[in-house]
Amino acid sequence: MTEQLADKKCVPCRGGVPPLQGKELDALHKIVPQWSVVEQHHITRAFTFPDFKQALDFVNRVGALAEEQGHHPDILLAWGKAEITLWTHKIDGLTESDFIMAAKIDRLSA
């Protein structure tokens, strides 16, 4: 199921739609269980690496993917660590595109 989600394309949010909640949110979270859902508002995941260079290389790949998808996460880069946070700013909450992007990022880290 993760692969199916990762094969989808992020869709720009134009606003006016409610953020995901309840069963819809739970179903998508089950597909990317390594991500933490925080207050039904955003999802986050920390990735660890043996050194700064590999963390930076990963962040650069995530950045290129974000540009390609038009869906830009918050990224914290530290020595041996990259923390990614996703949510849809236009509605100040989560949409399917956040989970699509999470699945695509998971694919990059594999």
Protein backbone atom coordinates (compact mmCIF):
# COMPACT_ATOMS: atom_id res chain seq x y z
CA MET A 1 0.00 0.00 0.00
CA THR A 2 2.89 2.35 0.70
CA GLU A 3 4.08 1.90 -2.88
CA GLN A 4 0.61 2.73 -4.22
CA LEU A 5 0.52 5.91 -2.16
CA ALA A 6 4.07 6.79 -3.21
CA ASP A 7 3.08 6.42 -6.87
CA LYS A 8 0.43 9.13 -6.59
CA LYS A 9 1.14 12.80 -7.31
CA CYS A 10 0.70 15.55 -4.75
CA VAL A 11 -2.22 17.79 -5.64
CA PRO A 12 -2.00 21.49 -4.81
CA CYS A 13 -4.57 22.48 -2.22
CA ARG A 14 -6.66 25.48 -3.10
CA GLY A 15 -8.21 25.76 0.34
CA GLY A 16 -11.84 25.43 1.26
CA VAL A 17 -11.53 21.75 2.18
CA PRO A 18 -11.50 20.45 5.72
CA PRO A 19 -8.30 18.88 7.06
CA LEU A 20 -8.26 15.10 7.45
CA GLN A 21 -9.57 13.75 10.73
CA GLY A 22 -10.86 10.54 12.24
CA LYS A 23 -11.02 7.39 10.13
CA GLU A 24 -9.62 9.02 6.98
CA LEU A 25 -6.59 10.27 8.88
CA ASP A 26 -6.11 6.92 10.64
CA ALA A 27 -6.30 4.98 7.36
CA LEU A 28 -3.59 7.08 5.72
CA HIS A 29 -1.42 6.99 8.84
CA LYS A 30 -1.49 3.18 8.78
CA ILE A 31 0.15 3.30 5.33
CA VAL A 32 3.12 5.33 6.66
CA PRO A 33 3.30 4.17 10.30
CA GLN A 34 6.86 5.44 10.89
CA TRP A 35 5.53 8.98 10.73
CA SER A 36 4.01 10.51 13.85
CA VAL A 37 0.71 12.36 13.61
CA VAL A 38 0.89 15.38 15.90
CA GLU A 39 -2.41 16.82 17.14
CA GLN A 40 -4.11 15.85 13.84
CA HIS A 41 -2.28 18.86 12.39
CA HIS A 42 1.03 17.63 10.96
CA ILE A 43 3.15 14.53 10.50
CA THR A 44 6.81 14.21 11.35
CA ARG A 45 9.60 11.68 11.09
CA ALA A 46 13.27 11.71 12.04
CA PHE A 47 15.80 9.93 9.83
CA THR A 48 19.26 9.05 11.15
CA PHE A 49 22.52 8.76 9.25
CA PRO A 50 26.11 7.89 10.15
CA ASP A 51 27.39 11.40 9.40
CA PHE A 52 26.49 14.92 8.29
CA LYS A 53 27.23 14.37 4.60
CA GLN A 54 24.76 11.49 4.25
CA ALA A 55 22.08 13.48 6.11
CA LEU A 56 22.72 16.43 3.80
CA ASP A 57 22.56 14.21 0.70
CA PHE A 58 19.18 12.90 1.89
CA VAL A 59 17.89 16.43 2.55
CA ASN A 60 18.96 17.47 -0.95
CA ARG A 61 17.06 14.51 -2.45
CA VAL A 62 13.99 15.44 -0.38
CA GLY A 63 14.33 19.04 -1.59
CA ALA A 64 14.43 17.96 -5.23
CA LEU A 65 11.38 15.75 -4.68
CA ALA A 66 9.55 18.63 -2.98
CA GLU A 67 10.19 20.88 -5.97
CA GLU A 68 9.02 18.18 -8.37
CA GLN A 69 5.82 17.59 -6.36
CA GLY A 70 5.15 21.24 -5.46
CA HIS A 71 4.77 20.17 -1.83
CA HIS A 72 7.40 21.55 0.51
CA PRO A 73 8.13 20.13 3.97
CA ASP A 74 9.85 21.78 6.88
CA ILE A 75 13.29 20.20 7.19
CA LEU A 76 15.65 20.24 10.16
CA LEU A 77 19.16 19.14 9.29
CA ALA A 78 21.67 18.22 11.99
CA TRP A 79 24.75 16.04 12.23
CA GLY A 80 23.54 12.54 11.39
CA LYS A 81 19.88 13.51 11.45
CA ALA A 82 17.16 14.95 9.25
CA GLU A 83 13.71 15.64 10.65
CA ILE A 84 10.88 16.17 8.17
CA THR A 85 7.54 17.78 9.04
CA LEU A 86 4.60 17.94 6.64
CA TRP A 87 1.22 19.63 6.62
CA THR A 88 -0.84 21.62 4.15
CA HIS A 89 -0.41 25.28 5.00
CA LYS A 90 -3.38 26.42 2.93
CA ILE A 91 -5.82 24.64 5.27
CA ASP A 92 -3.56 24.51 8.35
CA GLY A 93 -3.92 20.75 8.59
CA LEU A 94 -3.38 17.45 6.84
CA THR A 95 -4.44 16.35 3.36
CA GLU A 96 -3.79 13.19 1.37
CA SER A 97 -0.90 14.99 -0.34
CA ASP A 98 0.98 15.13 2.97
CA PHE A 99 0.80 11.35 3.19
CA ILE A 100 1.72 10.95 -0.48
CA MET A 101 4.81 13.06 0.14
CA ALA A 102 5.63 11.05 3.28
CA ALA A 103 5.43 7.79 1.28
CA LYS A 104 7.66 9.28 -1.42
CA ILE A 105 10.19 10.38 1.21
CA ASP A 106 10.09 6.89 2.74
CA ARG A 107 10.92 5.50 -0.69
CA LEU A 108 13.96 7.83 -0.88
CA SER A 109 15.23 6.58 2.46
CA ALA A 110 14.97 2.88 1.55
